[in-house]
């Protein structure tokens, strides 16, 4: 990531932190983390995590705590999504499998005779 991009992400993250800081540390960490989760696109999150992994220069200590929480929350979300079986969206029409269709045709043909 370029230096200016990292500086921009650091500045933005610290501005968000200044907004939430007045709520006290515990609520601020949650608020910052939730804000970044909802409003930062994945490449922005990847960029700030890369900067954090490189030392996190310039990040407010409260921002650091919020980024740790965000990273943990994203890992939980990813693990939960991987554990969930894939199901069709609600309202999706179920499609019979070919074997079921063949059985249905055979039984329908017998009933008509």
Protein backbone atom coordinates (compact mmCIF):
# COMPACT_ATOMS: atom_id res chain seq x y z
CA UNK A 1 0.00 0.00 0.00
CA UNK A 2 1.29 3.46 -0.79
CA UNK A 3 2.38 5.74 2.02
CA UNK A 4 -0.22 8.38 1.17
CA UNK A 5 -2.99 5.75 1.12
CA UNK A 6 -1.90 4.49 4.54
CA UNK A 7 -1.75 8.05 5.85
CA UNK A 8 -5.27 8.70 4.58
CA UNK A 9 -6.64 5.54 6.22
CA UNK A 10 -4.87 6.38 9.49
CA UNK A 11 -6.26 9.92 9.42
CA UNK A 12 -9.78 8.64 8.70
CA UNK A 13 -9.63 5.94 11.39
CA UNK A 14 -8.34 8.45 13.96
CA UNK A 15 -11.12 10.91 13.04
CA UNK A 16 -13.70 8.20 13.66
CA UNK A 17 -11.99 7.48 16.97
CA UNK A 18 -12.17 11.15 18.01
CA UNK A 19 -15.91 11.07 17.36
CA UNK A 20 -16.51 7.97 19.52
CA UNK A 21 -13.90 8.75 22.22
CA UNK A 22 -16.33 10.89 24.25
CA UNK A 23 -18.48 7.79 24.87
CA UNK A 24 -15.82 6.14 27.03
CA UNK A 25 -13.34 3.47 26.05
CA UNK A 26 -15.59 0.39 26.04
CA UNK A 27 -18.41 1.95 24.01
CA UNK A 28 -15.94 3.75 21.75
CA UNK A 29 -14.12 0.55 20.80
CA UNK A 30 -17.43 -1.08 19.87
CA UNK A 31 -18.64 2.00 18.00
CA UNK A 32 -15.42 2.42 16.01
CA UNK A 33 -15.30 -1.26 15.12
CA UNK A 34 -18.96 -1.32 14.03
CA UNK A 35 -18.50 1.85 11.97
CA UNK A 36 -15.51 0.39 10.13
CA UNK A 37 -17.37 -2.90 9.60
CA UNK A 38 -20.41 -1.18 8.10
CA UNK A 39 -18.92 1.70 6.14
CA UNK A 40 -15.39 0.78 5.06
CA UNK A 41 -15.10 -1.33 1.94
CA UNK A 42 -12.97 -4.49 2.13
CA UNK A 43 -9.90 -2.97 0.47
CA UNK A 44 -9.90 -0.13 3.02
CA UNK A 45 -10.05 -2.64 5.86
CA UNK A 46 -7.28 -4.68 4.21
CA UNK A 47 -5.21 -1.51 3.89
CA UNK A 48 -5.56 -0.46 7.52
CA UNK A 49 -4.82 -4.04 8.66
CA UNK A 50 -1.67 -4.08 6.50
CA UNK A 51 -0.62 -0.80 8.10
CA UNK A 52 -1.38 -2.23 11.54
CA UNK A 53 0.69 -5.35 10.77
CA UNK A 54 3.56 -3.08 9.68
CA UNK A 55 3.58 -1.40 13.08
CA UNK A 56 0.51 0.82 13.03
CA UNK A 57 2.41 4.12 13.10
CA UNK A 58 0.17 7.10 13.82
CA UNK A 59 -2.86 5.13 15.00
CA UNK A 60 -4.50 6.29 18.22
CA UNK A 61 -4.33 3.63 20.99
CA UNK A 62 -8.15 3.45 20.98
CA UNK A 63 -8.10 2.93 17.22
CA UNK A 64 -5.67 0.05 17.74
CA UNK A 65 -8.07 -1.61 20.20
CA UNK A 66 -10.98 -1.12 17.81
CA UNK A 67 -8.99 -2.63 14.92
CA UNK A 68 -8.15 -5.66 17.06
CA UNK A 69 -11.86 -6.08 17.81
CA UNK A 70 -12.77 -5.60 14.16
CA UNK A 71 -10.24 -8.21 13.06
CA UNK A 72 -11.59 -10.69 15.62
CA UNK A 73 -15.20 -9.98 14.59
CA UNK A 74 -14.38 -10.47 10.91
CA UNK A 75 -12.63 -13.76 11.69
CA UNK A 76 -15.69 -14.98 13.64
CA UNK A 77 -18.00 -13.91 10.82
CA UNK A 78 -15.86 -15.71 8.26
CA UNK A 79 -15.67 -18.87 10.39
CA UNK A 80 -19.43 -18.79 10.94
CA UNK A 81 -20.12 -18.39 7.24
CA UNK A 82 -17.83 -21.30 6.41
CA UNK A 83 -19.62 -23.53 8.94
CA UNK A 84 -23.11 -22.70 7.63
CA UNK A 85 -24.50 -25.05 4.97
CA UNK A 86 -25.49 -23.26 1.82
CA UNK A 87 -29.25 -23.04 1.49
CA UNK A 88 -31.32 -21.47 -1.26
CA UNK A 89 -32.58 -17.96 -0.58
CA UNK A 90 -36.00 -17.75 1.03
CA UNK A 91 -38.74 -17.87 -1.54
CA UNK A 92 -36.53 -19.79 -3.96
CA UNK A 93 -38.37 -22.46 -5.93
CA UNK A 94 -37.23 -26.01 -5.21
CA UNK A 95 -36.24 -27.90 -8.33
CA UNK A 96 -36.78 -31.64 -8.44
CA UNK A 97 -33.77 -33.75 -9.27
CA UNK A 98 -33.88 -35.85 -12.49
CA UNK A 99 -34.41 -39.12 -10.58
CA UNK A 100 -37.34 -37.60 -8.70
CA UNK A 101 -38.81 -36.31 -11.94
CA UNK A 102 -38.57 -39.76 -13.54
CA UNK A 103 -40.33 -41.40 -10.55
CA UNK A 104 -43.05 -38.75 -10.64
CA UNK A 105 -43.67 -39.30 -14.36
CA UNK A 106 -43.81 -43.07 -13.88
CA UNK A 107 -46.29 -42.83 -11.01
CA UNK A 108 -48.41 -40.26 -12.86
CA UNK A 109 -48.58 -42.49 -15.91
CA UNK A 110 -49.81 -45.44 -13.82
CA UNK A 111 -52.51 -43.39 -12.17
CA UNK A 112 -53.96 -42.25 -15.52
CA UNK A 113 -54.41 -45.79 -16.87
